[in-house]
Amino acid sequence: MEKGGWVYLMTDKPRGVLYVGVTADLARRVGEHQAGVGSVFCARWGLRRLVWAERFGSIEAATRREKQVKRWRRDWKIALVEAGNPEWGEILPW
């Protein structure tokens, strides 16, 4: 298994509800979100679209980045997504 981690953003629609998470296995975690399990918040709001992800060499570095992004203002998070995914299309974790 690869070492490292991912920070990612899930949403329901462009500029919709945003969820910032961290995981060591992005494909598995996104699959859980899409199945409506693993996160009460994502299940409640129907957040099944992965729109941004950033890879890190260690889970500790990914966790630090997740905490940083979670503290950001909403418009900064939107700008982060739109810098690499202006159409808010779903990106594939594999």
PDB file of N, CA and C in Angstrom:
ATOM      1  N   MET A   1       0.844  -1.183   0.000  1.00  0.00           N
ATOM      2  CA  MET A   1       0.000   0.000   0.000  1.00  0.00           C
ATOM      3  C   MET A   1       0.889   1.248   0.000  1.00  0.00           C
ATOM      4  N   GLU A   2       0.497   2.239  -0.747  1.00  0.00           N
ATOM      5  CA  GLU A   2       1.260   3.484  -0.816  1.00  0.00           C
ATOM      6  C   GLU A   2       1.168   4.250   0.494  1.00  0.00           C
ATOM      7  N   LYS A   3       2.278   4.862   0.870  1.00  0.00           N
ATOM      8  CA  LYS A   3       2.267   5.727   2.038  1.00  0.00           C
ATOM      9  C   LYS A   3       1.847   7.112   1.585  1.00  0.00           C
ATOM     10  N   GLY A   4       1.362   7.881   2.511  1.00  0.00           N
ATOM     11  CA  GLY A   4       0.973   9.241   2.179  1.00  0.00           C
ATOM     12  C   GLY A   4      -0.479   9.484   2.485  1.00  0.00           C
ATOM     13  N   GLY A   5      -0.967  10.583   1.976  1.00  0.00           N
ATOM     14  CA  GLY A   5      -2.349  10.943   2.242  1.00  0.00           C
ATOM     15  C   GLY A   5      -2.878  11.948   1.242  1.00  0.00           C
ATOM     16  N   TRP A   6      -4.152  12.151   1.318  1.00  0.00           N
ATOM     17  CA  TRP A   6      -4.870  13.061   0.429  1.00  0.00           C
ATOM     18  C   TRP A   6      -5.737  14.007   1.247  1.00  0.00           C
ATOM     19  N   VAL A   7      -5.832  15.238   0.807  1.00  0.00           N
ATOM     20  CA  VAL A   7      -6.835  16.176   1.280  1.00  0.00           C
ATOM     21  C   VAL A   7      -7.778  16.365   0.102  1.00  0.00           C
ATOM     22  N   TYR A   8      -9.070  16.403   0.370  1.00  0.00           N
ATOM     23  CA  TYR A   8     -10.019  16.443  -0.738  1.00  0.00           C
ATOM     24  C   TYR A   8     -11.250  17.264  -0.376  1.00  0.00           C
ATOM     25  N   LEU A   9     -11.967  17.676  -1.407  1.00  0.00           N
ATOM     26  CA  LEU A   9     -13.217  18.425  -1.248  1.00  0.00           C
ATOM     27  C   LEU A   9     -14.334  17.690  -1.964  1.00  0.00           C
ATOM     28  N   MET A  10     -15.433  17.489  -1.252  1.00  0.00           N
ATOM     29  CA  MET A  10     -16.645  16.902  -1.811  1.00  0.00           C
ATOM     30  C   MET A  10     -17.721  17.986  -1.832  1.00  0.00           C
ATOM     31  N   THR A  11     -18.650  17.858  -2.788  1.00  0.00           N
ATOM     32  CA  THR A  11     -19.770  18.792  -2.869  1.00  0.00           C
ATOM     33  C   THR A  11     -20.969  18.092  -3.479  1.00  0.00           C
ATOM     34  N   ASP A  12     -22.090  18.791  -3.500  1.00  0.00           N
ATOM     35  CA  ASP A  12     -23.294  18.267  -4.133  1.00  0.00           C
ATOM     36  C   ASP A  12     -23.511  18.888  -5.514  1.00  0.00           C
ATOM     37  N   LYS A  13     -22.998  20.097  -5.710  1.00  0.00           N
ATOM     38  CA  LYS A  13     -23.161  20.817  -6.968  1.00  0.00           C
ATOM     39  C   LYS A  13     -22.154  21.966  -6.995  1.00  0.00           C
ATOM     40  N   PRO A  14     -21.938  22.583  -8.147  1.00  0.00           N
ATOM     41  CA  PRO A  14     -21.013  23.728  -8.192  1.00  0.00           C
ATOM     42  C   PRO A  14     -21.399  24.801  -7.176  1.00  0.00           C
ATOM     43  N   ARG A  15     -20.409  25.202  -6.393  1.00  0.00           N
ATOM     44  CA  ARG A  15     -20.574  26.218  -5.351  1.00  0.00           C
ATOM     45  C   ARG A  15     -21.616  25.839  -4.305  1.00  0.00           C
ATOM     46  N   GLY A  16     -21.830  24.543  -4.146  1.00  0.00           N
ATOM     47  CA  GLY A  16     -22.795  24.047  -3.167  1.00  0.00           C
ATOM     48  C   GLY A  16     -22.155  23.858  -1.801  1.00  0.00           C
ATOM     49  N   VAL A  17     -22.715  22.944  -1.034  1.00  0.00           N
ATOM     50  CA  VAL A  17     -22.184  22.609   0.279  1.00  0.00           C
ATOM     51  C   VAL A  17     -20.811  21.970   0.083  1.00  0.00           C
ATOM     52  N   LEU A  18     -19.843  22.346   0.913  1.00  0.00           N
ATOM     53  CA  LEU A  18     -18.478  21.839   0.791  1.00  0.00           C
ATOM     54  C   LEU A  18     -18.085  21.012   2.010  1.00  0.00           C
ATOM     55  N   TYR A  19     -17.338  19.940   1.761  1.00  0.00           N
ATOM     56  CA  TYR A  19     -16.793  19.096   2.820  1.00  0.00           C
ATOM     57  C   TYR A  19     -15.310  18.894   2.544  1.00  0.00           C
ATOM     58  N   VAL A  20     -14.478  19.177   3.533  1.00  0.00           N
ATOM     59  CA  VAL A  20     -13.034  18.961   3.427  1.00  0.00           C
ATOM     60  C   VAL A  20     -12.697  17.736   4.265  1.00  0.00           C
ATOM     61  N   GLY A  21     -11.971  16.796   3.653  1.00  0.00           N
ATOM     62  CA  GLY A  21     -11.586  15.589   4.371  1.00  0.00           C
ATOM     63  C   GLY A  21     -10.147  15.208   4.110  1.00  0.00           C
ATOM     64  N   VAL A  22      -9.677  14.216   4.858  1.00  0.00           N
ATOM     65  CA  VAL A  22      -8.331  13.675   4.693  1.00  0.00           C
ATOM     66  C   VAL A  22      -8.433  12.155   4.730  1.00  0.00           C
ATOM     67  N   THR A  23      -7.611  11.497   3.937  1.00  0.00           N
ATOM     68  CA  THR A  23      -7.615  10.039   3.888  1.00  0.00           C
ATOM     69  C   THR A  23      -6.289   9.526   3.351  1.00  0.00           C
ATOM     70  N   ALA A  24      -6.003   8.276   3.668  1.00  0.00           N
ATOM     71  CA  ALA A  24      -4.834   7.615   3.097  1.00  0.00           C
ATOM     72  C   ALA A  24      -5.207   6.900   1.798  1.00  0.00           C
ATOM     73  N   ASP A  25      -6.498   6.623   1.598  1.00  0.00           N
ATOM     74  CA  ASP A  25      -6.977   5.879   0.427  1.00  0.00           C
ATOM     75  C   ASP A  25      -8.135   6.641  -0.206  1.00  0.00           C
ATOM     76  N   LEU A  26      -7.818   7.498  -1.163  1.00  0.00           N
ATOM     77  CA  LEU A  26      -8.822   8.391  -1.748  1.00  0.00           C
ATOM     78  C   LEU A  26      -9.935   7.625  -2.471  1.00  0.00           C
ATOM     79  N   ALA A  27      -9.597   6.627  -3.247  1.00  0.00           N
ATOM     80  CA  ALA A  27     -10.615   5.883  -3.994  1.00  0.00           C
ATOM     81  C   ALA A  27     -11.615   5.216  -3.042  1.00  0.00           C
ATOM     82  N   ARG A  28     -11.109   4.590  -1.996  1.00  0.00           N
ATOM     83  CA  ARG A  28     -12.002   3.947  -1.024  1.00  0.00           C
ATOM     84  C   ARG A  28     -12.895   4.964  -0.337  1.00  0.00           C
ATOM     85  N   ARG A  29     -12.300   6.076   0.083  1.00  0.00           N
ATOM     86  CA  ARG A  29     -13.058   7.084   0.835  1.00  0.00           C
ATOM     87  C   ARG A  29     -14.132   7.728  -0.025  1.00  0.00           C
ATOM     88  N   VAL A  30     -13.802   8.054  -1.260  1.00  0.00           N
ATOM     89  CA  VAL A  30     -14.802   8.642  -2.160  1.00  0.00           C
ATOM     90  C   VAL A  30     -15.921   7.635  -2.407  1.00  0.00           C
ATOM     91  N   GLY A  31     -15.565   6.374  -2.565  1.00  0.00           N
ATOM     92  CA  GLY A  31     -16.585   5.329  -2.719  1.00  0.00           C
ATOM     93  C   GLY A  31     -17.528   5.282  -1.530  1.00  0.00           C
ATOM     94  N   GLU A  32     -16.987   5.434  -0.335  1.00  0.00           N
ATOM     95  CA  GLU A  32     -17.829   5.474   0.865  1.00  0.00           C
ATOM     96  C   GLU A  32     -18.772   6.664   0.825  1.00  0.00           C
ATOM     97  N   HIS A  33     -18.248   7.830   0.469  1.00  0.00           N
ATOM     98  CA  HIS A  33     -19.111   9.015   0.384  1.00  0.00           C
ATOM     99  C   HIS A  33     -20.213   8.800  -0.647  1.00  0.00           C
ATOM    100  N   GLN A  34     -19.858   8.253  -1.784  1.00  0.00           N
ATOM    101  CA  GLN A  34     -20.846   8.049  -2.841  1.00  0.00           C
ATOM    102  C   GLN A  34     -21.896   7.018  -2.454  1.00  0.00           C
ATOM    103  N   ALA A  35     -21.539   6.093  -1.572  1.00  0.00           N
ATOM    104  CA  ALA A  35     -22.489   5.098  -1.073  1.00  0.00           C
ATOM    105  C   ALA A  35     -23.310   5.625   0.105  1.00  0.00           C
ATOM    106  N   GLY A  36     -22.962   6.832   0.564  1.00  0.00           N
ATOM    107  CA  GLY A  36     -23.708   7.433   1.668  1.00  0.00           C
ATOM    108  C   GLY A  36     -23.315   6.906   3.036  1.00  0.00           C
ATOM    109  N   VAL A  37     -22.096   6.347   3.148  1.00  0.00           N
ATOM    110  CA  VAL A  37     -21.622   5.835   4.441  1.00  0.00           C
ATOM    111  C   VAL A  37     -20.293   6.504   4.799  1.00  0.00           C
ATOM    112  N   GLY A  38     -19.940   6.447   6.062  1.00  0.00           N
ATOM    113  CA  GLY A  38     -18.632   6.938   6.480  1.00  0.00           C
ATOM    114  C   GLY A  38     -18.606   8.378   6.945  1.00  0.00           C
ATOM    115  N   SER A  39     -19.566   9.182   6.543  1.00  0.00           N
ATOM    116  CA  SER A  39     -19.622  10.576   6.977  1.00  0.00           C
ATOM    117  C   SER A  39     -21.081  10.993   7.083  1.00  0.00           C
ATOM    118  N   VAL A  40     -21.515  11.251   8.286  1.00  0.00           N
ATOM    119  CA  VAL A  40     -22.894  11.673   8.503  1.00  0.00           C
ATOM    120  C   VAL A  40     -23.167  12.987   7.765  1.00  0.00           C
ATOM    121  N   PHE A  41     -22.200  13.904   7.803  1.00  0.00           N
ATOM    122  CA  PHE A  41     -22.376  15.201   7.138  1.00  0.00           C
ATOM    123  C   PHE A  41     -22.575  15.026   5.634  1.00  0.00           C
ATOM    124  N   CYS A  42     -21.700  14.252   4.998  1.00  0.00           N
ATOM    125  CA  CYS A  42     -21.819  14.036   3.547  1.00  0.00           C
ATOM    126  C   CYS A  42     -23.115  13.320   3.190  1.00  0.00           C
ATOM    127  N   ALA A  43     -23.493  12.329   3.983  1.00  0.00           N
ATOM    128  CA  ALA A  43     -24.731  11.600   3.718  1.00  0.00           C
ATOM    129  C   ALA A  43     -25.938  12.523   3.868  1.00  0.00           C
ATOM    130  N   ARG A  44     -25.929  13.343   4.900  1.00  0.00           N
ATOM    131  CA  ARG A  44     -27.061  14.239   5.154  1.00  0.00           C
ATOM    132  C   ARG A  44     -27.259  15.233   4.016  1.00  0.00           C
ATOM    133  N   TRP A  45     -26.172  15.775   3.495  1.00  0.00           N
ATOM    134  CA  TRP A  45     -26.258  16.812   2.468  1.00  0.00           C
ATOM    135  C   TRP A  45     -26.090  16.278   1.052  1.00  0.00           C
ATOM    136  N   GLY A  46     -25.921  14.973   0.893  1.00  0.00           N
ATOM    137  CA  GLY A  46     -25.808  14.381  -0.442  1.00  0.00           C
ATOM    138  C   GLY A  46     -24.533  14.769  -1.171  1.00  0.00           C
ATOM    139  N   LEU A  47     -23.430  14.857  -0.442  1.00  0.00           N
ATOM    140  CA  LEU A  47     -22.158  15.267  -1.033  1.00  0.00           C
ATOM    141  C   LEU A  47     -21.468  14.038  -1.624  1.00  0.00           C
ATOM    142  N   ARG A  48     -21.581  13.887  -2.938  1.00  0.00           N
ATOM    143  CA  ARG A  48     -21.053  12.701  -3.603  1.00  0.00           C
ATOM    144  C   ARG A  48     -20.101  13.028  -4.747  1.00  0.00           C
ATOM    145  N   ARG A  49     -19.810  14.301  -4.959  1.00  0.00           N
ATOM    146  CA  ARG A  49     -18.971  14.732  -6.079  1.00  0.00           C
ATOM    147  C   ARG A  49     -17.608  15.185  -5.576  1.00  0.00           C
ATOM    148  N   LEU A  50     -16.555  14.454  -5.954  1.00  0.00           N
ATOM    149  CA  LEU A  50     -15.180  14.842  -5.634  1.00  0.00           C
ATOM    150  C   LEU A  50     -14.750  15.901  -6.641  1.00  0.00           C
ATOM    151  N   VAL A  51     -14.410  17.100  -6.154  1.00  0.00           N
ATOM    152  CA  VAL A  51     -14.074  18.196  -7.077  1.00  0.00           C
ATOM    153  C   VAL A  51     -12.641  18.711  -6.918  1.00  0.00           C
ATOM    154  N   TRP A  52     -11.952  18.281  -5.873  1.00  0.00           N
ATOM    155  CA  TRP A  52     -10.568  18.724  -5.670  1.00  0.00           C
ATOM    156  C   TRP A  52      -9.861  17.728  -4.760  1.00  0.00           C
ATOM    157  N   ALA A  53      -8.591  17.447  -5.062  1.00  0.00           N
ATOM    158  CA  ALA A  53      -7.787  16.579  -4.204  1.00  0.00           C
ATOM    159  C   ALA A  53      -6.321  16.973  -4.335  1.00  0.00           C
ATOM    160  N   GLU A  54      -5.608  16.837  -3.235  1.00  0.00           N
ATOM    161  CA  GLU A  54      -4.185  17.168  -3.198  1.00  0.00           C
ATOM    162  C   GLU A  54      -3.449  16.041  -2.474  1.00  0.00           C
ATOM    163  N   ARG A  55      -2.392  15.530  -3.091  1.00  0.00           N
ATOM    164  CA  ARG A  55      -1.631  14.391  -2.564  1.00  0.00           C
ATOM    165  C   ARG A  55      -0.454  14.872  -1.729  1.00  0.00           C
ATOM    166  N   PHE A  56      -0.165  14.136  -0.646  1.00  0.00           N
ATOM    167  CA  PHE A  56       0.957  14.437   0.233  1.00  0.00           C
ATOM    168  C   PHE A  56       1.763  13.174   0.491  1.00  0.00           C
ATOM    169  N   GLY A  57       3.033  13.334   0.777  1.00  0.00           N
ATOM    170  CA  GLY A  57       3.920  12.215   1.017  1.00  0.00           C
ATOM    171  C   GLY A  57       3.685  11.507   2.338  1.00  0.00           C
ATOM    172  N   SER A  58       3.020  12.169   3.266  1.00  0.00           N
ATOM    173  CA  SER A  58       2.718  11.548   4.562  1.00  0.00           C
ATOM    174  C   SER A  58       1.311  11.939   4.989  1.00  0.00           C
ATOM    175  N   ILE A  59       0.686  11.071   5.765  1.00  0.00           N
ATOM    176  CA  ILE A  59      -0.654  11.369   6.266  1.00  0.00           C
ATOM    177  C   ILE A  59      -0.605  12.553   7.242  1.00  0.00           C
ATOM    178  N   GLU A  60       0.524  12.714   7.925  1.00  0.00           N
ATOM    179  CA  GLU A  60       0.667  13.844   8.854  1.00  0.00           C
ATOM    180  C   GLU A  60       0.642  15.172   8.107  1.00  0.00           C
ATOM    181  N   ALA A  61       1.345  15.227   6.973  1.00  0.00           N
ATOM    182  CA  ALA A  61       1.333  16.448   6.155  1.00  0.00           C
ATOM    183  C   ALA A  61      -0.059  16.701   5.600  1.00  0.00           C
ATOM    184  N   ALA A  62      -0.741  15.648   5.188  1.00  0.00           N
ATOM    185  CA  ALA A  62      -2.104  15.794   4.672  1.00  0.00           C
ATOM    186  C   ALA A  62      -3.040  16.302   5.761  1.00  0.00           C
ATOM    187  N   THR A  63      -2.886  15.803   6.970  1.00  0.00           N
ATOM    188  CA  THR A  63      -3.728  16.236   8.090  1.00  0.00           C
ATOM    189  C   THR A  63      -3.492  17.706   8.415  1.00  0.00           C
ATOM    190  N   ARG A  64      -2.231  18.138   8.366  1.00  0.00           N
ATOM    191  CA  ARG A  64      -1.932  19.565   8.599  1.00  0.00           C
ATOM    192  C   ARG A  64      -2.625  20.431   7.547  1.00  0.00           C
ATOM    193  N   ARG A  65      -2.540  20.011   6.289  1.00  0.00           N
ATOM    194  CA  ARG A  65      -3.163  20.772   5.202  1.00  0.00           C
ATOM    195  C   ARG A  65      -4.685  20.775   5.350  1.00  0.00           C
ATOM    196  N   GLU A  66      -5.274  19.637   5.726  1.00  0.00           N
ATOM    197  CA  GLU A  66      -6.724  19.567   5.925  1.00  0.00           C
ATOM    198  C   GLU A  66      -7.160  20.590   6.976  1.00  0.00           C
ATOM    199  N   LYS A  67      -6.445  20.640   8.088  1.00  0.00           N
ATOM    200  CA  LYS A  67      -6.788  21.594   9.152  1.00  0.00           C
ATOM    201  C   LYS A  67      -6.672  23.026   8.650  1.00  0.00           C
ATOM    202  N   GLN A  68      -5.660  23.291   7.837  1.00  0.00           N
ATOM    203  CA  GLN A  68      -5.486  24.626   7.272  1.00  0.00           C
ATOM    204  C   GLN A  68      -6.669  24.989   6.374  1.00  0.00           C
ATOM    205  N   VAL A  69      -7.006  24.105   5.443  1.00  0.00           N
ATOM    206  CA  VAL A  69      -8.090  24.384   4.493  1.00  0.00           C
ATOM    207  C   VAL A  69      -9.429  24.494   5.219  1.00  0.00           C
ATOM    208  N   LYS A  70      -9.660  23.692   6.235  1.00  0.00           N
ATOM    209  CA  LYS A  70     -10.915  23.765   6.987  1.00  0.00           C
ATOM    210  C   LYS A  70     -11.100  25.132   7.640  1.00  0.00           C
ATOM    211  N   ARG A  71      -9.999  25.779   7.996  1.00  0.00           N
ATOM    212  CA  ARG A  71     -10.098  27.110   8.625  1.00  0.00           C
ATOM    213  C   ARG A  71     -10.337  28.221   7.614  1.00  0.00           C
ATOM    214  N   TRP A  72     -10.146  27.935   6.337  1.00  0.00           N
ATOM    215  CA  TRP A  72     -10.305  28.959   5.306  1.00  0.00           C
ATOM    216  C   TRP A  72     -11.746  29.433   5.196  1.00  0.00           C
ATOM    217  N   ARG A  73     -11.869  30.639   4.687  1.00  0.00           N
ATOM    218  CA  ARG A  73     -13.189  31.164   4.347  1.00  0.00           C
ATOM    219  C   ARG A  73     -13.739  30.383   3.156  1.00  0.00           C
ATOM    220  N   ARG A  74     -15.048  30.341   3.062  1.00  0.00           N
ATOM    221  CA  ARG A  74     -15.709  29.606   1.988  1.00  0.00           C
ATOM    222  C   ARG A  74     -15.254  30.066   0.605  1.00  0.00           C
ATOM    223  N   ASP A  75     -15.125  31.369   0.400  1.00  0.00           N
ATOM    224  CA  ASP A  75     -14.735  31.860  -0.926  1.00  0.00           C
ATOM    225  C   ASP A  75     -13.311  31.435  -1.293  1.00  0.00           C
ATOM    226  N   TRP A  76     -12.440  31.239  -0.313  1.00  0.00           N
ATOM    227  CA  TRP A  76     -11.086  30.739  -0.593  1.00  0.00           C
ATOM    228  C   TRP A  76     -11.143  29.284  -1.056  1.00  0.00           C
ATOM    229  N   LYS A  77     -12.028  28.490  -0.435  1.00  0.00           N
ATOM    230  CA  LYS A  77     -12.187  27.092  -0.844  1.00  0.00           C
ATOM    231  C   LYS A  77     -12.742  27.009  -2.257  1.00  0.00           C
ATOM    232  N   ILE A  78     -13.691  27.874  -2.565  1.00  0.00           N
ATOM    233  CA  ILE A  78     -14.256  27.910  -3.920  1.00  0.00           C
ATOM    234  C   ILE A  78     -13.170  28.277  -4.925  1.00  0.00           C
ATOM    235  N   ALA A  79     -12.352  29.253  -4.597  1.00  0.00           N
ATOM    236  CA  ALA A  79     -11.248  29.652  -5.485  1.00  0.00           C
ATOM    237  C   ALA A  79     -10.256  28.502  -5.673  1.00  0.00           C
ATOM    238  N   LEU A  80     -10.008  27.729  -4.624  1.00  0.00           N
ATOM    239  CA  LEU A  80      -9.107  26.578  -4.716  1.00  0.00           C
ATOM    240  C   LEU A  80      -9.642  25.564  -5.729  1.00  0.00           C
ATOM    241  N   VAL A  81     -10.918  25.252  -5.653  1.00  0.00           N
ATOM    242  CA  VAL A  81     -11.529  24.313  -6.598  1.00  0.00           C
ATOM    243  C   VAL A  81     -11.475  24.887  -8.009  1.00  0.00           C
ATOM    244  N   GLU A  82     -11.891  26.134  -8.163  1.00  0.00           N
ATOM    245  CA  GLU A  82     -12.002  26.728  -9.496  1.00  0.00           C
ATOM    246  C   GLU A  82     -10.657  26.959 -10.170  1.00  0.00           C
ATOM    247  N   ALA A  83      -9.575  27.022  -9.392  1.00  0.00           N
ATOM    248  CA  ALA A  83      -8.246  27.173  -9.989  1.00  0.00           C
ATOM    249  C   ALA A  83      -7.868  25.945 -10.817  1.00  0.00           C
ATOM    250  N   GLY A  84      -8.284  24.778 -10.383  1.00  0.00           N
ATOM    251  CA  GLY A  84      -7.940  23.557 -11.102  1.00  0.00           C
ATOM    252  C   GLY A  84      -9.106  22.848 -11.749  1.00  0.00           C
ATOM    253  N   ASN A  85     -10.330  23.247 -11.395  1.00  0.00           N
ATOM    254  CA  ASN A  85     -11.528  22.580 -11.881  1.00  0.00           C
ATOM    255  C   ASN A  85     -12.644  23.618 -12.044  1.00  0.00           C
ATOM    256  N   PRO A  86     -12.485  24.541 -13.009  1.00  0.00           N
ATOM    257  CA  PRO A  86     -13.431  25.659 -13.128  1.00  0.00           C
ATOM    258  C   PRO A  86     -14.873  25.247 -13.432  1.00  0.00           C
ATOM    259  N   GLU A  87     -15.067  24.074 -13.998  1.00  0.00           N
ATOM    260  CA  GLU A  87     -16.423  23.609 -14.321  1.00  0.00           C
ATOM    261  C   GLU A  87     -17.044  22.799 -13.185  1.00  0.00           C
ATOM    262  N   TRP A  88     -16.282  22.577 -12.116  1.00  0.00           N
ATOM    263  CA  TRP A  88     -16.733  21.791 -10.970  1.00  0.00           C
ATOM    264  C   TRP A  88     -17.110  20.366 -11.378  1.00  0.00           C
ATOM    265  N   GLY A  89     -16.419  19.840 -12.380  1.00  0.00           N
ATOM    266  CA  GLY A  89     -16.672  18.471 -12.797  1.00  0.00           C
ATOM    267  C   GLY A  89     -16.152  17.485 -11.767  1.00  0.00           C
ATOM    268  N   GLU A  90     -16.776  16.327 -11.720  1.00  0.00           N
ATOM    269  CA  GLU A  90     -16.326  15.308 -10.794  1.00  0.00           C
ATOM    270  C   GLU A  90     -14.988  14.753 -11.271  1.00  0.00           C
ATOM    271  N   ILE A  91     -14.021  14.708 -10.361  1.00  0.00           N
ATOM    272  CA  ILE A  91     -12.728  14.120 -10.712  1.00  0.00           C
ATOM    273  C   ILE A  91     -12.691  12.698 -10.191  1.00  0.00           C
ATOM    274  N   LEU A  92     -11.970  11.856 -10.867  1.00  0.00           N
ATOM    275  CA  LEU A  92     -11.894  10.453 -10.465  1.00  0.00           C
ATOM    276  C   LEU A  92     -10.684  10.229  -9.580  1.00  0.00           C
ATOM    277  N   PRO A  93     -10.860   9.525  -8.472  1.00  0.00           N
ATOM    278  CA  PRO A  93      -9.752   9.306  -7.541  1.00  0.00           C
ATOM    279  C   PRO A  93      -8.823   8.170  -7.936  1.00  0.00           C
ATOM    280  N   TRP A  94      -8.981   7.613  -9.121  1.00  0.00           N
ATOM    281  CA  TRP A  94      -8.124   6.494  -9.540  1.00  0.00           C
ATOM    282  C   TRP A  94      -7.530   6.748 -10.877  1.00  0.00           C
TER     283      TRP A  94
END
